[in-house]
Amino acid sequence: MYYKCKCLLVKYENKLKRSKVSSVSVDFIRSFSDILKAIDNVNEAVSVPVFLCSVIFILILIMDMCLIFLVSDEIKKPQYQAEMALTIIFPLFSTLSTAIIAGEVPIKMQKIKLEFERIYENELCNSFADGKNLKILKSVLRKKPLEMKACHLVTFSREYLLALFGALFTYGLLFINIHNTENQQACGINKTQSFD
């Protein structure tokens, strides 16, 4: 759904760039407001399932990291390694692609808004400027770009991806530390038993 929103904005942006300032119609400018409403409706409909899937996928990644670091002897078998690779790749790809594509939607909206600003400036410089076009362009320029949010909690952006990887990296280091201390304690117990 986010990908279709992005494609719709790309098509609109391309049409807007190809059209000359004088040929931009009022209906075409108004259609941007309809596109924003449609994208907002899609975001409202998809936000809860996307948030739940992202949380589930992150939990799967954390569980797989726990299994890798805490049960490392059993995981050395090829069938377990293949299963772990598949269960890590799918959630990671899904979470990343959703966040990246949803994060591109506001960027595309901002590019379209910049194009409208260019058209508005050209209309102001034009001595035969239509007042109706100027009002509509001004109303479009006042609209803020939508933020794609999951459950109105998480904004899909580059910061979200950095936070996600930071959390996974931190948990990975935590499990490595736990695994190393268990190995050191086991070595310490073996050394004390050998002295007795």
N, C-alpha and C. Protein backbone atom coordinates (compact mmCIF):
# COMPACT_ATOMS: atom_id res chain seq x y z
N MET A 1 0.82 -1.19 0.00
CA MET A 1 0.00 0.00 0.00
C MET A 1 0.87 1.26 0.00
N TYR A 2 1.92 1.24 0.83
CA TYR A 2 2.81 2.40 0.86
C TYR A 2 3.51 2.56 -0.50
N TYR A 3 3.83 1.44 -1.12
CA TYR A 3 4.49 1.50 -2.42
C TYR A 3 3.57 2.11 -3.47
N LYS A 4 2.29 1.77 -3.43
CA LYS A 4 1.34 2.36 -4.39
C LYS A 4 1.19 3.86 -4.15
N CYS A 5 1.20 4.27 -2.89
CA CYS A 5 1.15 5.71 -2.58
C CYS A 5 2.37 6.42 -3.15
N LYS A 6 3.52 5.79 -2.99
CA LYS A 6 4.76 6.38 -3.51
C LYS A 6 4.70 6.48 -5.03
N CYS A 7 4.23 5.42 -5.70
CA CYS A 7 4.13 5.43 -7.16
C CYS A 7 3.16 6.51 -7.64
N LEU A 8 2.06 6.67 -6.94
CA LEU A 8 1.09 7.70 -7.29
C LEU A 8 1.71 9.09 -7.20
N LEU A 9 2.47 9.33 -6.15
CA LEU A 9 3.13 10.62 -5.99
C LEU A 9 4.21 10.84 -7.05
N VAL A 10 4.91 9.79 -7.43
CA VAL A 10 5.94 9.91 -8.47
C VAL A 10 5.29 10.27 -9.80
N LYS A 11 4.18 9.62 -10.13
CA LYS A 11 3.47 9.94 -11.38
C LYS A 11 2.98 11.39 -11.37
N TYR A 12 2.43 11.81 -10.25
CA TYR A 12 1.94 13.18 -10.14
C TYR A 12 3.09 14.17 -10.29
N GLU A 13 4.20 13.87 -9.65
CA GLU A 13 5.37 14.76 -9.72
C GLU A 13 5.89 14.85 -11.15
N ASN A 14 5.93 13.72 -11.86
CA ASN A 14 6.41 13.74 -13.24
C ASN A 14 5.48 14.55 -14.14
N LYS A 15 4.17 14.39 -13.97
CA LYS A 15 3.22 15.19 -14.75
C LYS A 15 3.37 16.67 -14.44
N LEU A 16 3.58 16.98 -13.18
CA LEU A 16 3.72 18.38 -12.77
C LEU A 16 4.99 18.99 -13.35
N LYS A 17 6.08 18.23 -13.39
CA LYS A 17 7.33 18.75 -13.94
C LYS A 17 7.24 18.94 -15.46
N ARG A 18 6.50 18.05 -16.14
CA ARG A 18 6.39 18.15 -17.59
C ARG A 18 5.47 19.28 -18.03
N SER A 19 4.51 19.60 -17.21
CA SER A 19 3.56 20.64 -17.61
C SER A 19 4.19 22.02 -17.48
N LYS A 20 3.80 22.89 -18.38
CA LYS A 20 4.28 24.27 -18.31
C LYS A 20 3.45 25.01 -17.29
N VAL A 21 3.96 26.12 -16.85
CA VAL A 21 3.28 26.91 -15.81
C VAL A 21 1.89 27.31 -16.27
N SER A 22 1.77 27.75 -17.50
CA SER A 22 0.48 28.23 -17.99
C SER A 22 -0.51 27.10 -18.23
N SER A 23 0.00 25.87 -18.44
CA SER A 23 -0.90 24.77 -18.76
C SER A 23 -1.38 23.99 -17.53
N VAL A 24 -0.93 24.37 -16.35
CA VAL A 24 -1.37 23.67 -15.14
C VAL A 24 -2.81 24.08 -14.85
N SER A 25 -3.69 23.10 -14.87
CA SER A 25 -5.10 23.41 -14.67
C SER A 25 -5.46 23.42 -13.19
N VAL A 26 -6.58 24.05 -12.91
CA VAL A 26 -7.06 24.13 -11.53
C VAL A 26 -7.42 22.73 -11.03
N ASP A 27 -8.02 21.93 -11.91
CA ASP A 27 -8.41 20.57 -11.51
C ASP A 27 -7.18 19.71 -11.18
N PHE A 28 -6.12 19.90 -11.95
CA PHE A 28 -4.90 19.15 -11.69
C PHE A 28 -4.31 19.55 -10.34
N ILE A 29 -4.34 20.82 -10.03
CA ILE A 29 -3.82 21.29 -8.74
C ILE A 29 -4.69 20.77 -7.60
N ARG A 30 -6.01 20.80 -7.80
CA ARG A 30 -6.92 20.29 -6.76
C ARG A 30 -6.77 18.79 -6.56
N SER A 31 -6.39 18.09 -7.61
CA SER A 31 -6.25 16.64 -7.48
C SER A 31 -5.17 16.27 -6.47
N PHE A 32 -4.22 17.17 -6.23
CA PHE A 32 -3.19 16.91 -5.22
C PHE A 32 -3.83 16.78 -3.83
N SER A 33 -4.82 17.61 -3.55
CA SER A 33 -5.53 17.50 -2.26
C SER A 33 -6.24 16.16 -2.15
N ASP A 34 -6.81 15.69 -3.26
CA ASP A 34 -7.46 14.37 -3.26
C ASP A 34 -6.44 13.26 -3.03
N ILE A 35 -5.28 13.42 -3.63
CA ILE A 35 -4.22 12.43 -3.44
C ILE A 35 -3.78 12.40 -1.97
N LEU A 36 -3.64 13.57 -1.37
CA LEU A 36 -3.26 13.63 0.05
C LEU A 36 -4.31 12.96 0.93
N LYS A 37 -5.59 13.17 0.62
CA LYS A 37 -6.66 12.52 1.39
C LYS A 37 -6.60 11.01 1.23
N ALA A 38 -6.37 10.55 0.00
CA ALA A 38 -6.29 9.11 -0.24
C ALA A 38 -5.11 8.50 0.50
N ILE A 39 -3.97 9.17 0.49
CA ILE A 39 -2.79 8.66 1.19
C ILE A 39 -3.04 8.64 2.70
N ASP A 40 -3.70 9.67 3.20
CA ASP A 40 -4.03 9.70 4.63
C ASP A 40 -4.98 8.56 4.99
N ASN A 41 -5.95 8.28 4.14
CA ASN A 41 -6.87 7.16 4.38
C ASN A 41 -6.14 5.82 4.36
N VAL A 42 -5.22 5.67 3.42
CA VAL A 42 -4.43 4.43 3.36
C VAL A 42 -3.60 4.29 4.62
N ASN A 43 -2.98 5.37 5.05
CA ASN A 43 -2.16 5.33 6.26
C ASN A 43 -3.00 4.97 7.48
N GLU A 44 -4.20 5.53 7.57
CA GLU A 44 -5.08 5.21 8.69
C GLU A 44 -5.48 3.73 8.68
N ALA A 45 -5.73 3.19 7.50
CA ALA A 45 -6.17 1.79 7.40
C ALA A 45 -5.04 0.81 7.65
N VAL A 46 -3.84 1.18 7.28
CA VAL A 46 -2.72 0.24 7.32
C VAL A 46 -1.86 0.39 8.56
N SER A 47 -1.99 1.48 9.28
CA SER A 47 -1.04 1.78 10.36
C SER A 47 -1.02 0.73 11.47
N VAL A 48 -2.18 0.27 11.90
CA VAL A 48 -2.20 -0.71 13.00
C VAL A 48 -1.61 -2.05 12.57
N PRO A 49 -2.03 -2.62 11.42
CA PRO A 49 -1.40 -3.89 11.02
C PRO A 49 0.11 -3.77 10.78
N VAL A 50 0.54 -2.65 10.21
CA VAL A 50 1.98 -2.47 9.97
C VAL A 50 2.73 -2.40 11.30
N PHE A 51 2.17 -1.70 12.26
CA PHE A 51 2.82 -1.59 13.57
C PHE A 51 2.91 -2.97 14.24
N LEU A 52 1.82 -3.71 14.21
CA LEU A 52 1.82 -5.04 14.84
C LEU A 52 2.80 -5.98 14.14
N CYS A 53 2.82 -5.95 12.81
CA CYS A 53 3.76 -6.80 12.08
C CYS A 53 5.20 -6.40 12.38
N SER A 54 5.46 -5.10 12.46
CA SER A 54 6.82 -4.65 12.77
C SER A 54 7.26 -5.12 14.15
N VAL A 55 6.36 -5.03 15.12
CA VAL A 55 6.68 -5.48 16.48
C VAL A 55 6.94 -6.99 16.49
N ILE A 56 6.08 -7.74 15.80
CA ILE A 56 6.26 -9.20 15.75
C ILE A 56 7.58 -9.55 15.07
N PHE A 57 7.90 -8.86 13.97
CA PHE A 57 9.15 -9.15 13.26
C PHE A 57 10.37 -8.80 14.11
N ILE A 58 10.30 -7.71 14.84
CA ILE A 58 11.42 -7.34 15.72
C ILE A 58 11.57 -8.37 16.84
N LEU A 59 10.46 -8.86 17.37
CA LEU A 59 10.54 -9.90 18.40
C LEU A 59 11.12 -11.20 17.83
N ILE A 60 10.78 -11.52 16.59
CA ILE A 60 11.35 -12.70 15.95
C ILE A 60 12.86 -12.53 15.80
N LEU A 61 13.29 -11.34 15.40
CA LEU A 61 14.73 -11.09 15.27
C LEU A 61 15.44 -11.23 16.61
N ILE A 62 14.84 -10.69 17.66
CA ILE A 62 15.45 -10.79 18.99
C ILE A 62 15.49 -12.25 19.44
N MET A 63 14.42 -13.00 19.18
CA MET A 63 14.40 -14.41 19.56
C MET A 63 15.48 -15.19 18.82
N ASP A 64 15.65 -14.90 17.52
CA ASP A 64 16.69 -15.58 16.76
C ASP A 64 18.08 -15.24 17.28
N MET A 65 18.29 -13.99 17.66
CA MET A 65 19.58 -13.61 18.23
C MET A 65 19.82 -14.35 19.54
N CYS A 66 18.77 -14.49 20.35
CA CYS A 66 18.91 -15.24 21.60
C CYS A 66 19.31 -16.68 21.32
N LEU A 67 18.65 -17.28 20.34
CA LEU A 67 18.97 -18.67 20.01
C LEU A 67 20.40 -18.81 19.50
N ILE A 68 20.84 -17.86 18.70
CA ILE A 68 22.19 -17.94 18.15
C ILE A 68 23.24 -17.87 19.26
N PHE A 69 23.04 -16.95 20.21
CA PHE A 69 24.06 -16.73 21.22
C PHE A 69 23.93 -17.65 22.44
N LEU A 70 22.73 -18.07 22.75
CA LEU A 70 22.55 -18.85 23.97
C LEU A 70 22.53 -20.35 23.72
N VAL A 71 22.16 -20.77 22.54
CA VAL A 71 22.09 -22.20 22.23
C VAL A 71 22.97 -22.47 21.02
N SER A 72 24.19 -22.06 21.07
CA SER A 72 25.05 -22.08 19.89
C SER A 72 25.48 -23.49 19.46
N ASP A 73 25.48 -24.48 20.37
CA ASP A 73 25.93 -25.82 20.00
C ASP A 73 24.94 -26.50 19.05
N GLU A 74 23.65 -26.38 19.32
CA GLU A 74 22.63 -27.01 18.48
C GLU A 74 22.51 -26.31 17.13
N ILE A 75 22.82 -25.04 17.08
CA ILE A 75 22.59 -24.26 15.86
C ILE A 75 23.68 -24.50 14.82
N LYS A 76 24.71 -25.20 15.15
CA LYS A 76 25.78 -25.45 14.19
C LYS A 76 25.38 -26.47 13.13
N LYS A 77 24.25 -27.14 13.32
CA LYS A 77 23.77 -28.08 12.32
C LYS A 77 23.21 -27.29 11.13
N PRO A 78 23.42 -27.79 9.89
CA PRO A 78 23.00 -27.03 8.70
C PRO A 78 21.50 -26.74 8.62
N GLN A 79 20.67 -27.68 9.07
CA GLN A 79 19.23 -27.44 8.98
C GLN A 79 18.80 -26.30 9.89
N TYR A 80 19.42 -26.17 11.05
CA TYR A 80 19.10 -25.07 11.95
C TYR A 80 19.62 -23.74 11.39
N GLN A 81 20.80 -23.79 10.77
CA GLN A 81 21.34 -22.57 10.20
C GLN A 81 20.48 -22.06 9.05
N ALA A 82 19.97 -22.97 8.22
CA ALA A 82 19.08 -22.56 7.12
C ALA A 82 17.79 -21.96 7.66
N GLU A 83 17.24 -22.60 8.69
CA GLU A 83 16.01 -22.09 9.29
C GLU A 83 16.24 -20.71 9.92
N MET A 84 17.36 -20.55 10.61
CA MET A 84 17.66 -19.26 11.23
C MET A 84 17.85 -18.18 10.18
N ALA A 85 18.52 -18.53 9.09
CA ALA A 85 18.74 -17.54 8.03
C ALA A 85 17.40 -17.08 7.44
N LEU A 86 16.51 -18.03 7.19
CA LEU A 86 15.20 -17.66 6.63
C LEU A 86 14.36 -16.85 7.62
N THR A 87 14.41 -17.23 8.89
CA THR A 87 13.61 -16.49 9.86
C THR A 87 14.22 -15.13 10.20
N ILE A 88 15.47 -14.92 9.87
CA ILE A 88 16.07 -13.59 10.07
C ILE A 88 15.87 -12.72 8.84
N ILE A 89 16.03 -13.29 7.64
CA ILE A 89 15.95 -12.51 6.41
C ILE A 89 14.56 -11.95 6.18
N PHE A 90 13.52 -12.77 6.32
CA PHE A 90 12.16 -12.29 6.02
C PHE A 90 11.73 -11.14 6.92
N PRO A 91 11.83 -11.26 8.24
CA PRO A 91 11.43 -10.11 9.07
C PRO A 91 12.29 -8.87 8.85
N LEU A 92 13.58 -9.08 8.65
CA LEU A 92 14.47 -7.94 8.43
C LEU A 92 14.12 -7.22 7.13
N PHE A 93 13.91 -7.98 6.07
CA PHE A 93 13.55 -7.38 4.78
C PHE A 93 12.20 -6.69 4.86
N SER A 94 11.23 -7.33 5.49
CA SER A 94 9.89 -6.74 5.59
C SER A 94 9.91 -5.44 6.39
N THR A 95 10.57 -5.45 7.52
CA THR A 95 10.61 -4.26 8.36
C THR A 95 11.36 -3.13 7.66
N LEU A 96 12.48 -3.45 7.05
CA LEU A 96 13.26 -2.42 6.37
C LEU A 96 12.53 -1.85 5.16
N SER A 97 11.99 -2.72 4.32
CA SER A 97 11.33 -2.22 3.11
C SER A 97 10.10 -1.40 3.44
N THR A 98 9.33 -1.81 4.44
CA THR A 98 8.16 -1.03 4.83
C THR A 98 8.57 0.34 5.34
N ALA A 99 9.57 0.37 6.19
CA ALA A 99 10.01 1.66 6.74
C ALA A 99 10.62 2.56 5.67
N ILE A 100 11.38 1.99 4.76
CA ILE A 100 12.02 2.80 3.72
C ILE A 100 10.98 3.36 2.76
N ILE A 101 10.06 2.51 2.30
CA ILE A 101 9.05 2.98 1.33
C ILE A 101 8.11 3.97 1.99
N ALA A 102 7.67 3.69 3.20
CA ALA A 102 6.78 4.63 3.89
C ALA A 102 7.50 5.94 4.20
N GLY A 103 8.80 5.89 4.42
CA GLY A 103 9.56 7.10 4.68
C GLY A 103 9.77 7.94 3.43
N GLU A 104 9.67 7.33 2.24
CA GLU A 104 9.83 8.07 1.00
C GLU A 104 8.59 8.86 0.62
N VAL A 105 7.43 8.48 1.14
CA VAL A 105 6.19 9.17 0.78
C VAL A 105 6.23 10.64 1.20
N PRO A 106 6.59 10.99 2.45
CA PRO A 106 6.67 12.42 2.79
C PRO A 106 7.73 13.18 1.99
N ILE A 107 8.81 12.49 1.62
CA ILE A 107 9.85 13.13 0.81
C ILE A 107 9.30 13.49 -0.56
N LYS A 108 8.55 12.58 -1.16
CA LYS A 108 7.93 12.86 -2.47
C LYS A 108 6.92 14.00 -2.35
N MET A 109 6.16 14.02 -1.26
CA MET A 109 5.21 15.11 -1.06
C MET A 109 5.94 16.45 -0.97
N GLN A 110 7.07 16.46 -0.30
CA GLN A 110 7.84 17.70 -0.17
C GLN A 110 8.38 18.15 -1.52
N LYS A 111 8.79 17.20 -2.37
CA LYS A 111 9.27 17.55 -3.71
C LYS A 111 8.15 18.16 -4.55
N ILE A 112 6.96 17.60 -4.43
CA ILE A 112 5.81 18.14 -5.17
C ILE A 112 5.49 19.54 -4.66
N LYS A 113 5.58 19.71 -3.37
CA LYS A 113 5.31 21.03 -2.79
C LYS A 113 6.32 22.06 -3.29
N LEU A 114 7.58 21.67 -3.42
CA LEU A 114 8.59 22.57 -3.98
C LEU A 114 8.28 22.93 -5.43
N GLU A 115 7.78 21.96 -6.16
CA GLU A 115 7.38 22.23 -7.55
C GLU A 115 6.21 23.21 -7.60
N PHE A 116 5.27 23.05 -6.67
CA PHE A 116 4.16 24.00 -6.58
C PHE A 116 4.66 25.40 -6.21
N GLU A 117 5.66 25.48 -5.35
CA GLU A 117 6.24 26.78 -5.00
C GLU A 117 6.85 27.45 -6.22
N ARG A 118 7.52 26.65 -7.05
CA ARG A 118 8.10 27.18 -8.29
C ARG A 118 6.99 27.71 -9.20
N ILE A 119 5.93 26.95 -9.34
CA ILE A 119 4.81 27.38 -10.19
C ILE A 119 4.17 28.64 -9.62
N TYR A 120 4.02 28.67 -8.30
CA TYR A 120 3.42 29.84 -7.65
C TYR A 120 4.27 31.10 -7.90
N GLU A 121 5.58 30.97 -7.77
CA GLU A 121 6.46 32.11 -8.02
C GLU A 121 6.38 32.56 -9.47
N ASN A 122 6.31 31.60 -10.40
CA ASN A 122 6.18 31.96 -11.81
C ASN A 122 4.84 32.63 -12.09
N GLU A 123 3.79 32.18 -11.43
CA GLU A 123 2.47 32.80 -11.60
C GLU A 123 2.48 34.23 -11.06
N LEU A 124 3.17 34.45 -9.95
CA LEU A 124 3.26 35.81 -9.40
C LEU A 124 4.01 36.75 -10.34
N CYS A 125 5.03 36.21 -11.00
CA CYS A 125 5.81 37.04 -11.94
C CYS A 125 5.04 37.31 -13.23
N ASN A 126 4.10 36.45 -13.54
CA ASN A 126 3.32 36.59 -14.77
C ASN A 126 2.32 37.73 -14.60
N SER A 127 2.29 38.61 -15.58
CA SER A 127 1.37 39.76 -15.49
C SER A 127 -0.09 39.35 -15.72
N PHE A 128 -0.29 38.21 -16.38
CA PHE A 128 -1.66 37.74 -16.65
C PHE A 128 -2.04 36.61 -15.69
N ALA A 129 -1.57 36.65 -14.48
CA ALA A 129 -1.82 35.59 -13.51
C ALA A 129 -3.30 35.51 -13.16
N ASP A 130 -3.77 34.28 -13.09
CA ASP A 130 -5.16 34.02 -12.74
C ASP A 130 -5.28 33.99 -11.21
N GLY A 131 -6.17 34.79 -10.67
CA GLY A 131 -6.35 34.85 -9.22
C GLY A 131 -6.82 33.54 -8.63
N LYS A 132 -7.63 32.79 -9.41
CA LYS A 132 -8.13 31.51 -8.93
C LYS A 132 -6.99 30.51 -8.76
N ASN A 133 -6.09 30.47 -9.76
CA ASN A 133 -4.93 29.58 -9.66
C ASN A 133 -4.05 29.94 -8.47
N LEU A 134 -3.86 31.23 -8.27
CA LEU A 134 -3.02 31.68 -7.15
C LEU A 134 -3.60 31.26 -5.81
N LYS A 135 -4.93 31.39 -5.66
CA LYS A 135 -5.57 30.99 -4.40
C LYS A 135 -5.42 29.50 -4.16
N ILE A 136 -5.64 28.73 -5.21
CA ILE A 136 -5.54 27.27 -5.05
C ILE A 136 -4.09 26.86 -4.78
N LEU A 137 -3.16 27.46 -5.49
CA LEU A 137 -1.75 27.16 -5.23
C LEU A 137 -1.35 27.54 -3.81
N LYS A 138 -1.85 28.67 -3.35
CA LYS A 138 -1.54 29.11 -1.99
C LYS A 138 -2.11 28.13 -0.96
N SER A 139 -3.32 27.63 -1.21
CA SER A 139 -3.92 26.67 -0.27
C SER A 139 -3.16 25.35 -0.27
N VAL A 140 -2.66 24.94 -1.44
CA VAL A 140 -1.86 23.71 -1.51
C VAL A 140 -0.54 23.90 -0.78
N LEU A 141 0.05 25.07 -0.91
CA LEU A 141 1.33 25.33 -0.25
C LEU A 141 1.20 25.38 1.27
N ARG A 142 0.04 25.72 1.77
CA ARG A 142 -0.17 25.77 3.23
C ARG A 142 -0.29 24.39 3.86
N LYS A 143 -0.63 23.39 3.05
CA LYS A 143 -0.80 22.04 3.60
C LYS A 143 0.55 21.47 3.99
N LYS A 144 0.54 20.82 5.13
CA LYS A 144 1.76 20.18 5.61
C LYS A 144 1.85 18.78 5.00
N PRO A 145 3.07 18.32 4.70
CA PRO A 145 3.20 16.95 4.20
C PRO A 145 2.80 15.95 5.29
N LEU A 146 2.17 14.88 4.86
CA LEU A 146 1.73 13.86 5.81
C LEU A 146 2.93 13.09 6.34
N GLU A 147 2.83 12.66 7.56
CA GLU A 147 3.83 11.76 8.13
C GLU A 147 3.22 10.38 8.18
N MET A 148 3.94 9.42 7.68
CA MET A 148 3.47 8.05 7.71
C MET A 148 3.80 7.47 9.08
N LYS A 149 2.75 7.20 9.85
CA LYS A 149 2.95 6.70 11.21
C LYS A 149 2.29 5.34 11.36
N ALA A 150 2.90 4.53 12.17
CA ALA A 150 2.32 3.24 12.52
C ALA A 150 1.67 3.39 13.87
N CYS A 151 0.37 3.26 13.91
CA CYS A 151 -0.41 3.35 15.15
C CYS A 151 -0.25 4.71 15.82
N HIS A 152 0.05 5.73 15.07
CA HIS A 152 0.27 7.08 15.59
C HIS A 152 1.37 7.12 16.65
N LEU A 153 2.24 6.12 16.66
CA LEU A 153 3.33 6.05 17.63
C LEU A 153 4.70 6.17 16.97
N VAL A 154 4.88 5.41 15.90
CA VAL A 154 6.19 5.33 15.26
C VAL A 154 6.12 6.01 13.90
N THR A 155 6.95 7.00 13.69
CA THR A 155 7.04 7.66 12.40
C THR A 155 8.07 6.94 11.56
N PHE A 156 7.66 6.53 10.36
CA PHE A 156 8.61 5.86 9.48
C PHE A 156 9.54 6.90 8.88
N SER A 157 10.78 6.83 9.29
CA SER A 157 11.79 7.77 8.80
C SER A 157 13.15 7.11 8.96
N ARG A 158 14.16 7.84 8.57
CA ARG A 158 15.52 7.31 8.72
C ARG A 158 15.88 7.14 10.19
N GLU A 159 15.32 8.02 11.02
CA GLU A 159 15.58 7.91 12.45
C GLU A 159 15.02 6.60 13.01
N TYR A 160 13.87 6.19 12.49
CA TYR A 160 13.26 4.93 12.91
C TYR A 160 14.18 3.76 12.58
N LEU A 161 14.74 3.77 11.38
CA LEU A 161 15.64 2.69 10.98
C LEU A 161 16.90 2.68 11.84
N LEU A 162 17.44 3.86 12.10
CA LEU A 162 18.64 3.92 12.95
C LEU A 162 18.34 3.43 14.37
N ALA A 163 17.18 3.79 14.89
CA ALA A 163 16.80 3.32 16.23
C ALA A 163 16.61 1.81 16.24
N LEU A 164 16.00 1.28 15.18
CA LEU A 164 15.79 -0.16 15.09
C LEU A 164 17.12 -0.90 15.07
N PHE A 165 18.04 -0.46 14.22
CA PHE A 165 19.33 -1.13 14.16
C PHE A 165 20.13 -0.92 15.43
N GLY A 166 20.00 0.25 16.04
CA GLY A 166 20.68 0.49 17.31
C GLY A 166 20.20 -0.46 18.39
N ALA A 167 18.88 -0.67 18.43
CA ALA A 167 18.32 -1.59 19.42
C ALA A 167 18.78 -3.02 19.16
N LEU A 168 18.74 -3.45 17.90
CA LEU A 168 19.19 -4.80 17.58
C LEU A 168 20.67 -4.98 17.88
N PHE A 169 21.47 -3.99 17.58
CA PHE A 169 22.91 -4.06 17.86
C PHE A 169 23.16 -4.14 19.37
N THR A 170 22.40 -3.35 20.13
CA THR A 170 22.55 -3.36 21.59
C THR A 170 22.18 -4.72 22.16
N TYR A 171 21.06 -5.27 21.69
CA TYR A 171 20.67 -6.60 22.18
C TYR A 171 21.69 -7.65 21.76
N GLY A 172 22.23 -7.52 20.57
CA GLY A 172 23.27 -8.45 20.13
C GLY A 172 24.48 -8.41 21.05
N LEU A 173 24.92 -7.19 21.38
CA LEU A 173 26.06 -7.05 22.30
C LEU A 173 25.73 -7.60 23.68
N LEU A 174 24.49 -7.40 24.12
CA LEU A 174 24.07 -7.92 25.42
C LEU A 174 24.16 -9.44 25.44
N PHE A 175 23.66 -10.08 24.38
CA PHE A 175 23.69 -11.54 24.35
C PHE A 175 25.11 -12.07 24.21
N ILE A 176 25.96 -11.36 23.48
CA ILE A 176 27.36 -11.77 23.39
C ILE A 176 28.02 -11.69 24.76
N ASN A 177 27.73 -10.62 25.50
CA ASN A 177 28.29 -10.44 26.83
C ASN A 177 27.79 -11.54 27.77
N ILE A 178 26.50 -11.86 27.71
CA ILE A 178 25.96 -12.94 28.54
C ILE A 178 26.64 -14.26 28.21
N HIS A 179 26.80 -14.53 26.92
CA HIS A 179 27.42 -15.77 26.48
C HIS A 179 28.88 -15.84 26.94
N ASN A 180 29.61 -14.73 26.84
CA ASN A 180 31.01 -14.71 27.27
C ASN A 180 31.15 -14.89 28.78
N THR A 181 30.27 -14.26 29.57
CA THR A 181 30.37 -14.42 31.03
C THR A 181 30.02 -15.84 31.44
N GLU A 182 29.08 -16.47 30.75
CA GLU A 182 28.76 -17.87 31.07
C GLU A 182 29.96 -18.76 30.76
N ASN A 183 30.63 -18.49 29.64
CA ASN A 183 31.82 -19.28 29.30
C ASN A 183 32.94 -19.05 30.31
N GLN A 184 33.12 -17.80 30.75
CA GLN A 184 34.16 -17.51 31.74
C GLN A 184 33.84 -18.16 33.08
N GLN A 185 32.57 -18.15 33.46
CA GLN A 185 32.18 -18.79 34.72
C GLN A 185 32.37 -20.29 34.63
N ALA A 186 32.05 -20.86 33.47
CA ALA A 186 32.24 -22.30 33.31
C ALA A 186 33.72 -22.65 33.35
N CYS A 187 34.56 -21.81 32.76
CA CYS A 187 36.01 -22.05 32.82
C CYS A 187 36.51 -21.89 34.25
N GLY A 188 35.97 -20.92 34.99
CA GLY A 188 36.37 -20.71 36.38
C GLY A 188 35.99 -21.89 37.24
N ILE A 189 34.82 -22.47 37.00
CA ILE A 189 34.37 -23.64 37.76
C ILE A 189 35.26 -24.83 37.44
N ASN A 190 35.62 -25.01 36.17
CA ASN A 190 36.48 -26.12 35.79
C ASN A 190 37.87 -25.98 36.40
N LYS A 191 38.39 -24.75 36.49
CA LYS A 191 39.71 -24.54 37.08
C LYS A 191 39.69 -24.83 38.57
N THR A 192 38.63 -24.42 39.29
CA THR A 192 38.57 -24.67 40.73
C THR A 192 38.38 -26.16 41.00
N GLN A 193 37.66 -26.86 40.13
CA GLN A 193 37.48 -28.29 40.33
C GLN A 193 38.78 -29.04 40.08
N SER A 194 39.59 -28.54 39.15
CA SER A 194 40.86 -29.22 38.88
C SER A 194 41.86 -29.03 40.02
N PHE A 195 41.75 -27.91 40.78
CA PHE A 195 42.64 -27.70 41.92
C PHE A 195 42.25 -28.57 43.10
N ASP A 196 40.99 -28.95 43.19
CA ASP A 196 40.55 -29.78 44.32
C ASP A 196 40.99 -31.17 44.10
